[in-house]
PDB file of all heavy atoms in Angstrom:
ATOM      1  N   GLY A   1      76.839  14.185  92.721  1.00  0.00           N
ATOM      2  CA  GLY A   1      77.422  12.921  92.296  1.00  0.00           C
ATOM      3  C   GLY A   1      78.921  12.816  92.489  1.00  0.00           C
ATOM      4  O   GLY A   1      79.562  11.929  91.935  1.00  0.00           O
ATOM      5  N   ILE A   2      79.489  13.700  93.280  1.00  0.00           N
ATOM      6  CA  ILE A   2      80.930  13.680  93.523  1.00  0.00           C
ATOM      7  C   ILE A   2      81.245  12.716  94.660  1.00  0.00           C
ATOM      8  O   ILE A   2      80.614  12.756  95.712  1.00  0.00           O
ATOM      9  CB  ILE A   2      81.425  15.103  93.869  1.00  0.00           C
ATOM     10  CG1 ILE A   2      81.181  16.028  92.679  1.00  0.00           C
ATOM     11  CG2 ILE A   2      82.890  15.091  94.278  1.00  0.00           C
ATOM     12  CD1 ILE A   2      81.410  17.493  92.967  1.00  0.00           C
ATOM     13  N   GLU A   3      82.234  11.838  94.436  1.00  0.00           N
ATOM     14  CA  GLU A   3      82.659  10.914  95.490  1.00  0.00           C
ATOM     15  C   GLU A   3      83.419  11.701  96.554  1.00  0.00           C
ATOM     16  O   GLU A   3      84.310  12.493  96.243  1.00  0.00           O
ATOM     17  CB  GLU A   3      83.561   9.821  94.923  1.00  0.00           C
ATOM     18  CG  GLU A   3      83.992   8.815  95.957  1.00  0.00           C
ATOM     19  CD  GLU A   3      84.870   7.721  95.376  1.00  0.00           C
ATOM     20  OE1 GLU A   3      85.273   7.807  94.208  1.00  0.00           O
ATOM     21  OE2 GLU A   3      85.144   6.772  96.127  1.00  0.00           O
ATOM     22  N   ILE A   4      83.094  11.484  97.810  1.00  0.00           N
ATOM     23  CA  ILE A   4      83.678  12.242  98.903  1.00  0.00           C
ATOM     24  C   ILE A   4      84.446  11.306  99.827  1.00  0.00           C
ATOM     25  O   ILE A   4      83.903  10.319 100.317  1.00  0.00           O
ATOM     26  CB  ILE A   4      82.580  12.982  99.694  1.00  0.00           C
ATOM     27  CG1 ILE A   4      81.815  13.903  98.749  1.00  0.00           C
ATOM     28  CG2 ILE A   4      83.176  13.757 100.847  1.00  0.00           C
ATOM     29  CD1 ILE A   4      80.450  14.262  99.228  1.00  0.00           C
ATOM     30  N   ILE A   5      85.725  11.645 100.032  1.00  0.00           N
ATOM     31  CA  ILE A   5      86.584  10.867 100.908  1.00  0.00           C
ATOM     32  C   ILE A   5      87.145  11.815 101.971  1.00  0.00           C
ATOM     33  O   ILE A   5      87.576  12.924 101.649  1.00  0.00           O
ATOM     34  CB  ILE A   5      87.756  10.224 100.136  1.00  0.00           C
ATOM     35  CG1 ILE A   5      87.232   9.293  99.049  1.00  0.00           C
ATOM     36  CG2 ILE A   5      88.680   9.463 101.072  1.00  0.00           C
ATOM     37  CD1 ILE A   5      87.302   9.867  97.696  1.00  0.00           C
ATOM     38  N   THR A   6      87.121  11.404 103.206  1.00  0.00           N
ATOM     39  CA  THR A   6      87.727  12.193 104.278  1.00  0.00           C
ATOM     40  C   THR A   6      88.848  11.380 104.904  1.00  0.00           C
ATOM     41  O   THR A   6      88.738  10.166 105.050  1.00  0.00           O
ATOM     42  CB  THR A   6      86.699  12.581 105.357  1.00  0.00           C
ATOM     43  OG1 THR A   6      86.099  11.399 105.861  1.00  0.00           O
ATOM     44  CG2 THR A   6      85.625  13.478 104.800  1.00  0.00           C
ATOM     45  N   SER A   7      89.931  12.060 105.243  1.00  0.00           N
ATOM     46  CA  SER A   7      91.061  11.371 105.866  1.00  0.00           C
ATOM     47  C   SER A   7      91.563  12.176 107.051  1.00  0.00           C
ATOM     48  O   SER A   7      91.310  13.370 107.166  1.00  0.00           O
ATOM     49  CB  SER A   7      92.197  11.172 104.853  1.00  0.00           C
ATOM     50  OG  SER A   7      92.762  12.411 104.492  1.00  0.00           O
ATOM     51  N   GLY A   8      92.298  11.495 107.929  1.00  0.00           N
ATOM     52  CA  GLY A   8      92.945  12.140 109.057  1.00  0.00           C
ATOM     53  C   GLY A   8      92.004  12.695 110.103  1.00  0.00           C
ATOM     54  O   GLY A   8      92.364  13.617 110.832  1.00  0.00           O
ATOM     55  N   VAL A   9      90.816  12.143 110.216  1.00  0.00           N
ATOM     56  CA  VAL A   9      89.833  12.641 111.180  1.00  0.00           C
ATOM     57  C   VAL A   9      90.183  12.131 112.572  1.00  0.00           C
ATOM     58  O   VAL A   9      90.380  10.940 112.774  1.00  0.00           O
ATOM     59  CB  VAL A   9      88.410  12.195 110.787  1.00  0.00           C
ATOM     60  CG1 VAL A   9      87.399  12.652 111.815  1.00  0.00           C
ATOM     61  CG2 VAL A   9      88.051  12.724 109.411  1.00  0.00           C
ATOM     62  N   ARG A  10      90.252  13.038 113.523  1.00  0.00           N
ATOM     63  CA  ARG A  10      90.534  12.680 114.918  1.00  0.00           C
ATOM     64  C   ARG A  10      89.231  12.279 115.614  1.00  0.00           C
ATOM     65  O   ARG A  10      88.146  12.624 115.159  1.00  0.00           O
ATOM     66  CB  ARG A  10      91.166  13.869 115.628  1.00  0.00           C
ATOM     67  CG  ARG A  10      92.533  14.195 115.063  1.00  0.00           C
ATOM     68  CD  ARG A  10      93.215  15.263 115.877  1.00  0.00           C
ATOM     69  NE  ARG A  10      94.558  15.455 115.353  1.00  0.00           N
ATOM     70  CZ  ARG A  10      95.009  16.611 114.899  1.00  0.00           C
ATOM     71  NH1 ARG A  10      94.258  17.687 114.939  1.00  0.00           N
ATOM     72  NH2 ARG A  10      96.231  16.694 114.436  1.00  0.00           N
ATOM     73  N   PRO A  11      89.322  11.556 116.727  1.00  0.00           N
ATOM     74  CA  PRO A  11      88.110  11.083 117.403  1.00  0.00           C
ATOM     75  C   PRO A  11      87.104  12.189 117.742  1.00  0.00           C
ATOM     76  O   PRO A  11      85.906  12.022 117.527  1.00  0.00           O
ATOM     77  CB  PRO A  11      88.651  10.417 118.676  1.00  0.00           C
ATOM     78  CG  PRO A  11      90.008   9.936 118.281  1.00  0.00           C
ATOM     79  CD  PRO A  11      90.540  11.004 117.358  1.00  0.00           C
ATOM     80  N   LYS A  12      87.575  13.313 118.257  1.00  0.00           N
ATOM     81  CA  LYS A  12      86.661  14.402 118.601  1.00  0.00           C
ATOM     82  C   LYS A  12      85.974  14.962 117.355  1.00  0.00           C
ATOM     83  O   LYS A  12      84.779  15.257 117.366  1.00  0.00           O
ATOM     84  CB  LYS A  12      87.423  15.516 119.329  1.00  0.00           C
ATOM     85  CG  LYS A  12      86.537  16.616 119.846  1.00  0.00           C
ATOM     86  CD  LYS A  12      87.335  17.620 120.665  1.00  0.00           C
ATOM     87  CE  LYS A  12      86.433  18.721 121.181  1.00  0.00           C
ATOM     88  NZ  LYS A  12      87.169  19.699 121.978  1.00  0.00           N
ATOM     89  N   GLN A  13      86.723  15.080 116.252  1.00  0.00           N
ATOM     90  CA  GLN A  13      86.152  15.552 114.998  1.00  0.00           C
ATOM     91  C   GLN A  13      85.153  14.531 114.453  1.00  0.00           C
ATOM     92  O   GLN A  13      84.090  14.899 113.949  1.00  0.00           O
ATOM     93  CB  GLN A  13      87.258  15.801 113.974  1.00  0.00           C
ATOM     94  CG  GLN A  13      88.213  16.893 114.377  1.00  0.00           C
ATOM     95  CD  GLN A  13      89.496  16.869 113.559  1.00  0.00           C
ATOM     96  OE1 GLN A  13      89.849  15.862 112.949  1.00  0.00           O
ATOM     97  NE2 GLN A  13      90.198  17.991 113.563  1.00  0.00           N
ATOM     98  N   ALA A  14      85.487  13.253 114.569  1.00  0.00           N
ATOM     99  CA  ALA A  14      84.590  12.199 114.092  1.00  0.00           C
ATOM    100  C   ALA A  14      83.261  12.242 114.830  1.00  0.00           C
ATOM    101  O   ALA A  14      82.202  12.072 114.227  1.00  0.00           O
ATOM    102  CB  ALA A  14      85.249  10.833 114.261  1.00  0.00           C
ATOM    103  N   LYS A  15      83.324  12.471 116.126  1.00  0.00           N
ATOM    104  CA  LYS A  15      82.095  12.558 116.914  1.00  0.00           C
ATOM    105  C   LYS A  15      81.228  13.714 116.431  1.00  0.00           C
ATOM    106  O   LYS A  15      80.020  13.565 116.264  1.00  0.00           O
ATOM    107  CB  LYS A  15      82.435  12.726 118.394  1.00  0.00           C
ATOM    108  CG  LYS A  15      81.218  12.766 119.278  1.00  0.00           C
ATOM    109  CD  LYS A  15      81.595  12.900 120.735  1.00  0.00           C
ATOM    110  CE  LYS A  15      80.321  12.998 121.570  1.00  0.00           C
ATOM    111  NZ  LYS A  15      80.571  13.252 122.960  1.00  0.00           N
ATOM    112  N   MET A  16      81.846  14.861 116.179  1.00  0.00           N
ATOM    113  CA  MET A  16      81.090  16.018 115.701  1.00  0.00           C
ATOM    114  C   MET A  16      80.473  15.741 114.333  1.00  0.00           C
ATOM    115  O   MET A  16      79.314  16.067 114.084  1.00  0.00           O
ATOM    116  CB  MET A  16      81.990  17.253 115.626  1.00  0.00           C
ATOM    117  CG  MET A  16      82.421  17.776 116.981  1.00  0.00           C
ATOM    118  SD  MET A  16      83.581  19.153 116.863  1.00  0.00           S
ATOM    119  CE  MET A  16      82.455  20.476 116.439  1.00  0.00           C
ATOM    120  N   LEU A  17      81.241  15.125 113.443  1.00  0.00           N
ATOM    121  CA  LEU A  17      80.731  14.810 112.105  1.00  0.00           C
ATOM    122  C   LEU A  17      79.596  13.793 112.180  1.00  0.00           C
ATOM    123  O   LEU A  17      78.594  13.901 111.469  1.00  0.00           O
ATOM    124  CB  LEU A  17      81.857  14.289 111.214  1.00  0.00           C
ATOM    125  CG  LEU A  17      82.913  15.314 110.818  1.00  0.00           C
ATOM    126  CD1 LEU A  17      84.093  14.619 110.147  1.00  0.00           C
ATOM    127  CD2 LEU A  17      82.324  16.376 109.910  1.00  0.00           C
ATOM    128  N   HIS A  18      79.746  12.805 113.048  1.00  0.00           N
ATOM    129  CA  HIS A  18      78.720  11.775 113.198  1.00  0.00           C
ATOM    130  C   HIS A  18      77.393  12.371 113.672  1.00  0.00           C
ATOM    131  O   HIS A  18      76.324  11.982 113.194  1.00  0.00           O
ATOM    132  CB  HIS A  18      79.191  10.698 114.173  1.00  0.00           C
ATOM    133  CG  HIS A  18      78.161   9.661 114.451  1.00  0.00           C
ATOM    134  ND1 HIS A  18      77.806   8.713 113.518  1.00  0.00           N
ATOM    135  CD2 HIS A  18      77.383   9.441 115.536  1.00  0.00           C
ATOM    136  CE1 HIS A  18      76.860   7.944 114.038  1.00  0.00           C
ATOM    137  NE2 HIS A  18      76.594   8.369 115.259  1.00  0.00           N
ATOM    138  N   GLU A  19      77.460  13.311 114.584  1.00  0.00           N
ATOM    139  CA  GLU A  19      76.252  13.939 115.122  1.00  0.00           C
ATOM    140  C   GLU A  19      75.490  14.740 114.073  1.00  0.00           C
ATOM    141  O   GLU A  19      74.303  15.006 114.242  1.00  0.00           O
ATOM    142  CB  GLU A  19      76.626  14.857 116.293  1.00  0.00           C
ATOM    143  CG  GLU A  19      77.109  14.110 117.517  1.00  0.00           C
ATOM    144  CD  GLU A  19      77.680  15.034 118.584  1.00  0.00           C
ATOM    145  OE1 GLU A  19      77.792  16.245 118.349  1.00  0.00           O
ATOM    146  OE2 GLU A  19      78.016  14.510 119.662  1.00  0.00           O
ATOM    147  N   LEU A  20      76.151  15.094 112.974  1.00  0.00           N
ATOM    148  CA  LEU A  20      75.517  15.940 111.963  1.00  0.00           C
ATOM    149  C   LEU A  20      74.933  15.156 110.792  1.00  0.00           C
ATOM    150  O   LEU A  20      74.470  15.736 109.826  1.00  0.00           O
ATOM    151  CB  LEU A  20      76.524  16.981 111.459  1.00  0.00           C
ATOM    152  CG  LEU A  20      76.952  17.956 112.549  1.00  0.00           C
ATOM    153  CD1 LEU A  20      78.053  18.847 112.034  1.00  0.00           C
ATOM    154  CD2 LEU A  20      75.770  18.788 113.021  1.00  0.00           C
ATOM    155  N   ASN A  21      74.982  13.839 110.844  1.00  0.00           N
ATOM    156  CA  ASN A  21      74.347  12.984 109.834  1.00  0.00           C
ATOM    157  C   ASN A  21      74.807  13.282 108.412  1.00  0.00           C
ATOM    158  O   ASN A  21      74.028  13.677 107.561  1.00  0.00           O
ATOM    159  CB  ASN A  21      72.827  13.086 109.918  1.00  0.00           C
ATOM    160  CG  ASN A  21      72.298  12.629 111.251  1.00  0.00           C
ATOM    161  OD1 ASN A  21      72.781  11.652 111.809  1.00  0.00           O
ATOM    162  ND2 ASN A  21      71.310  13.327 111.771  1.00  0.00           N
ATOM    163  N   LEU A  22      76.082  13.053 108.154  1.00  0.00           N
ATOM    164  CA  LEU A  22      76.596  13.179 106.793  1.00  0.00           C
ATOM    165  C   LEU A  22      75.931  12.145 105.893  1.00  0.00           C
ATOM    166  O   LEU A  22      75.469  11.109 106.373  1.00  0.00           O
ATOM    167  CB  LEU A  22      78.109  12.939 106.786  1.00  0.00           C
ATOM    168  CG  LEU A  22      78.979  14.018 107.389  1.00  0.00           C
ATOM    169  CD1 LEU A  22      80.424  13.536 107.453  1.00  0.00           C
ATOM    170  CD2 LEU A  22      78.894  15.294 106.593  1.00  0.00           C
ATOM    171  N   PRO A  23      75.896  12.407 104.572  1.00  0.00           N
ATOM    172  CA  PRO A  23      75.366  11.380 103.667  1.00  0.00           C
ATOM    173  C   PRO A  23      76.117  10.060 103.869  1.00  0.00           C
ATOM    174  O   PRO A  23      77.329  10.061 104.092  1.00  0.00           O
ATOM    175  CB  PRO A  23      75.640  11.960 102.276  1.00  0.00           C
ATOM    176  CG  PRO A  23      75.728  13.435 102.499  1.00  0.00           C
ATOM    177  CD  PRO A  23      76.313  13.602 103.871  1.00  0.00           C
ATOM    178  N   LEU A  24      75.413   8.959 103.783  1.00  0.00           N
ATOM    179  CA  LEU A  24      76.007   7.646 104.068  1.00  0.00           C
ATOM    180  C   LEU A  24      77.129   7.271 103.108  1.00  0.00           C
ATOM    181  O   LEU A  24      77.967   6.452 103.435  1.00  0.00           O
ATOM    182  CB  LEU A  24      74.921   6.568 104.041  1.00  0.00           C
ATOM    183  CG  LEU A  24      73.882   6.659 105.146  1.00  0.00           C
ATOM    184  CD1 LEU A  24      72.816   5.590 104.943  1.00  0.00           C
ATOM    185  CD2 LEU A  24      74.527   6.511 106.512  1.00  0.00           C
ATOM    186  N   GLN A  25      77.151   7.875 101.944  1.00  0.00           N
ATOM    187  CA  GLN A  25      78.153   7.516 100.947  1.00  0.00           C
ATOM    188  C   GLN A  25      79.496   8.211 101.152  1.00  0.00           C
ATOM    189  O   GLN A  25      80.395   8.046 100.355  1.00  0.00           O
ATOM    190  CB  GLN A  25      77.626   7.803  99.536  1.00  0.00           C
ATOM    191  CG  GLN A  25      76.554   6.854  99.088  1.00  0.00           C
ATOM    192  CD  GLN A  25      75.188   7.134  99.715  1.00  0.00           C
ATOM    193  OE1 GLN A  25      74.979   8.138 100.381  1.00  0.00           O
ATOM    194  NE2 GLN A  25      74.249   6.244  99.514  1.00  0.00           N
ATOM    195  N   VAL A  26      79.663   8.978 102.193  1.00  0.00           N
ATOM    196  CA  VAL A  26      80.953   9.598 102.487  1.00  0.00           C
ATOM    197  C   VAL A  26      81.894   8.516 103.008  1.00  0.00           C
ATOM    198  O   VAL A  26      81.552   7.780 103.924  1.00  0.00           O
ATOM    199  CB  VAL A  26      80.808  10.731 103.532  1.00  0.00           C
ATOM    200  CG1 VAL A  26      82.173  11.264 103.945  1.00  0.00           C
ATOM    201  CG2 VAL A  26      79.938  11.846 102.986  1.00  0.00           C
ATOM    202  N   SER A  27      83.070   8.411 102.382  1.00  0.00           N
ATOM    203  CA  SER A  27      84.050   7.403 102.790  1.00  0.00           C
ATOM    204  C   SER A  27      85.067   8.016 103.736  1.00  0.00           C
ATOM    205  O   SER A  27      85.485   9.159 103.558  1.00  0.00           O
ATOM    206  CB  SER A  27      84.790   6.867 101.564  1.00  0.00           C
ATOM    207  OG  SER A  27      83.888   6.272 100.666  1.00  0.00           O
ATOM    208  N   PHE A  28      85.464   7.246 104.725  1.00  0.00           N
ATOM    209  CA  PHE A  28      86.498   7.675 105.658  1.00  0.00           C
ATOM    210  C   PHE A  28      87.693   6.756 105.494  1.00  0.00           C
ATOM    211  O   PHE A  28      87.546   5.549 105.363  1.00  0.00           O
ATOM    212  CB  PHE A  28      85.988   7.613 107.104  1.00  0.00           C
ATOM    213  CG  PHE A  28      84.981   8.670 107.418  1.00  0.00           C
ATOM    214  CD1 PHE A  28      83.639   8.467 107.133  1.00  0.00           C
ATOM    215  CD2 PHE A  28      85.368   9.874 107.971  1.00  0.00           C
ATOM    216  CE1 PHE A  28      82.695   9.440 107.413  1.00  0.00           C
ATOM    217  CE2 PHE A  28      84.435  10.858 108.251  1.00  0.00           C
ATOM    218  CZ  PHE A  28      83.098  10.641 107.972  1.00  0.00           C
ATOM    219  N   ILE A  29      88.877   7.350 105.486  1.00  0.00           N
ATOM    220  CA  ILE A  29      90.111   6.585 105.376  1.00  0.00           C
ATOM    221  C   ILE A  29      91.075   7.146 106.422  1.00  0.00           C
ATOM    222  O   ILE A  29      91.016   8.327 106.759  1.00  0.00           O
ATOM    223  CB  ILE A  29      90.676   6.640 103.944  1.00  0.00           C
ATOM    224  CG1 ILE A  29      91.684   5.553 103.718  1.00  0.00           C
ATOM    225  CG2 ILE A  29      91.204   7.995 103.604  1.00  0.00           C
ATOM    226  CD1 ILE A  29      91.923   5.243 102.253  1.00  0.00           C
ATOM    227  N   HIS A  30      91.922   6.305 106.953  1.00  0.00           N
ATOM    228  CA  HIS A  30      92.745   6.666 108.114  1.00  0.00           C
ATOM    229  C   HIS A  30      93.667   7.860 107.874  1.00  0.00           C
ATOM    230  O   HIS A  30      93.707   8.795 108.664  1.00  0.00           O
ATOM    231  CB  HIS A  30      93.548   5.460 108.579  1.00  0.00           C
ATOM    232  CG  HIS A  30      94.413   5.740 109.756  1.00  0.00           C
ATOM    233  ND1 HIS A  30      93.906   5.985 111.011  1.00  0.00           N
ATOM    234  CD2 HIS A  30      95.756   5.846 109.865  1.00  0.00           C
ATOM    235  CE1 HIS A  30      94.891   6.226 111.838  1.00  0.00           C
ATOM    236  NE2 HIS A  30      96.029   6.143 111.169  1.00  0.00           N
ATOM    237  N   SER A  31      94.435   7.845 106.794  1.00  0.00           N
ATOM    238  CA  SER A  31      95.444   8.885 106.609  1.00  0.00           C
ATOM    239  C   SER A  31      95.474   9.390 105.172  1.00  0.00           C
ATOM    240  O   SER A  31      94.999   8.727 104.252  1.00  0.00           O
ATOM    241  CB  SER A  31      96.834   8.357 106.979  1.00  0.00           C
ATOM    242  OG  SER A  31      97.245   7.394 106.027  1.00  0.00           O
ATOM    243  N   LEU A  32      96.071  10.556 104.997  1.00  0.00           N
ATOM    244  CA  LEU A  32      96.246  11.116 103.664  1.00  0.00           C
ATOM    245  C   LEU A  32      97.111  10.198 102.819  1.00  0.00           C
ATOM    246  O   LEU A  32      96.835   9.993 101.633  1.00  0.00           O
ATOM    247  CB  LEU A  32      96.860  12.515 103.758  1.00  0.00           C
ATOM    248  CG  LEU A  32      97.145  13.223 102.435  1.00  0.00           C
ATOM    249  CD1 LEU A  32      95.863  13.386 101.625  1.00  0.00           C
ATOM    250  CD2 LEU A  32      97.794  14.568 102.692  1.00  0.00           C
ATOM    251  N   GLN A  33      98.133   9.624 103.414  1.00  0.00           N
ATOM    252  CA  GLN A  33      99.008   8.701 102.691  1.00  0.00           C
ATOM    253  C   GLN A  33      98.217   7.515 102.132  1.00  0.00           C
ATOM    254  O   GLN A  33      98.402   7.125 100.983  1.00  0.00           O
ATOM    255  CB  GLN A  33     100.122   8.211 103.612  1.00  0.00           C
ATOM    256  CG  GLN A  33     101.123   7.309 102.926  1.00  0.00           C
ATOM    257  CD  GLN A  33     102.235   6.867 103.868  1.00  0.00           C
ATOM    258  OE1 GLN A  33     102.152   7.043 105.072  1.00  0.00           O
ATOM    259  NE2 GLN A  33     103.266   6.281 103.314  1.00  0.00           N
ATOM    260  N   GLN A  34      97.325   6.946 102.921  1.00  0.00           N
ATOM    261  CA  GLN A  34      96.503   5.832 102.440  1.00  0.00           C
ATOM    262  C   GLN A  34      95.545   6.296 101.342  1.00  0.00           C
ATOM    263  O   GLN A  34      95.308   5.570 100.379  1.00  0.00           O
ATOM    264  CB  GLN A  34      95.715   5.226 103.587  1.00  0.00           C
ATOM    265  CG  GLN A  34      96.559   4.440 104.558  1.00  0.00           C
ATOM    266  CD  GLN A  34      95.748   3.916 105.735  1.00  0.00           C
ATOM    267  OE1 GLN A  34      94.671   4.425 106.032  1.00  0.00           O
ATOM    268  NE2 GLN A  34      96.276   2.915 106.409  1.00  0.00           N
ATOM    269  N   ALA A  35      94.997   7.482 101.472  1.00  0.00           N
ATOM    270  CA  ALA A  35      94.078   8.011 100.457  1.00  0.00           C
ATOM    271  C   ALA A  35      94.794   8.213  99.128  1.00  0.00           C
ATOM    272  O   ALA A  35      94.278   7.843  98.070  1.00  0.00           O
ATOM    273  CB  ALA A  35      93.451   9.324 100.938  1.00  0.00           C
ATOM    274  N   ILE A  36      96.001   8.760  99.178  1.00  0.00           N
ATOM    275  CA  ILE A  36      96.764   8.966  97.951  1.00  0.00           C
ATOM    276  C   ILE A  36      97.111   7.630  97.311  1.00  0.00           C
ATOM    277  O   ILE A  36      96.977   7.459  96.097  1.00  0.00           O
ATOM    278  CB  ILE A  36      98.035   9.790  98.245  1.00  0.00           C
ATOM    279  CG1 ILE A  36      97.647  11.230  98.576  1.00  0.00           C
ATOM    280  CG2 ILE A  36      99.003   9.755  97.059  1.00  0.00           C
ATOM    281  CD1 ILE A  36      98.758  12.083  99.100  1.00  0.00           C
ATOM    282  N   ALA A  37      97.536   6.676  98.125  1.00  0.00           N
ATOM    283  CA  ALA A  37      97.873   5.347  97.590  1.00  0.00           C
ATOM    284  C   ALA A  37      96.658   4.688  96.943  1.00  0.00           C
ATOM    285  O   ALA A  37      96.789   4.037  95.903  1.00  0.00           O
ATOM    286  CB  ALA A  37      98.434   4.461  98.702  1.00  0.00           C
ATOM    287  N   LYS A  38      95.499   4.857  97.528  1.00  0.00           N
ATOM    288  CA  LYS A  38      94.298   4.196  97.021  1.00  0.00           C
ATOM    289  C   LYS A  38      93.704   4.897  95.812  1.00  0.00           C
ATOM    290  O   LYS A  38      93.281   4.271  94.854  1.00  0.00           O
ATOM    291  CB  LYS A  38      93.253   4.105  98.123  1.00  0.00           C
ATOM    292  CG  LYS A  38      91.997   3.376  97.701  1.00  0.00           C
ATOM    293  CD  LYS A  38      91.052   3.165  98.861  1.00  0.00           C
ATOM    294  CE  LYS A  38      89.825   2.377  98.375  1.00  0.00           C
ATOM    295  NZ  LYS A  38      88.918   2.080  99.490  1.00  0.00           N
ATOM    296  N   TYR A  39      93.662   6.227  95.818  1.00  0.00           N
ATOM    297  CA  TYR A  39      92.921   6.956  94.794  1.00  0.00           C
ATOM    298  C   TYR A  39      93.780   7.665  93.751  1.00  0.00           C
ATOM    299  O   TYR A  39      93.268   8.105  92.736  1.00  0.00           O
ATOM    300  CB  TYR A  39      92.011   7.996  95.453  1.00  0.00           C
ATOM    301  CG  TYR A  39      90.918   7.364  96.296  1.00  0.00           C
ATOM    302  CD1 TYR A  39      91.044   7.271  97.669  1.00  0.00           C
ATOM    303  CD2 TYR A  39      89.789   6.827  95.692  1.00  0.00           C
ATOM    304  CE1 TYR A  39      90.048   6.677  98.442  1.00  0.00           C
ATOM    305  CE2 TYR A  39      88.796   6.235  96.450  1.00  0.00           C
ATOM    306  CZ  TYR A  39      88.940   6.166  97.822  1.00  0.00           C
ATOM    307  OH  TYR A  39      87.952   5.575  98.566  1.00  0.00           O
ATOM    308  N   CYS A  40      95.077   7.782  93.981  1.00  0.00           N
ATOM    309  CA  CYS A  40      95.915   8.569  93.065  1.00  0.00           C
ATOM    310  C   CYS A  40      97.005   7.768  92.360  1.00  0.00           C
ATOM    311  O   CYS A  40      97.820   8.339  91.657  1.00  0.00           O
ATOM    312  CB  CYS A  40      96.558   9.730  93.834  1.00  0.00           C
ATOM    313  SG  CYS A  40      95.357  10.878  94.513  1.00  0.00           S
ATOM    314  N   THR A  41      97.052   6.475  92.580  1.00  0.00           N
ATOM    315  CA  THR A  41      98.070   5.688  91.897  1.00  0.00           C
ATOM    316  C   THR A  41      97.452   4.621  91.050  1.00  0.00           C
ATOM    317  O   THR A  41      96.325   4.317  91.114  1.00  0.00           O
ATOM    318  CB  THR A  41      99.038   5.035  92.893  1.00  0.00           C
ATOM    319  OG1 THR A  41      98.309   4.235  93.812  1.00  0.00           O
ATOM    320  CG2 THR A  41      99.849   6.067  93.625  1.00  0.00           C
TER     321      THR A  41
END
């Protein structure tokens, strides 16, 4: 039940992650700065 957020994923890494069928509820955000602004303030 832990919310999972990933940030800073590069295109090649995204392709690898996509091929492995992560749970659909995993959130992706562009940068660490955006993640901190959204979830830590």
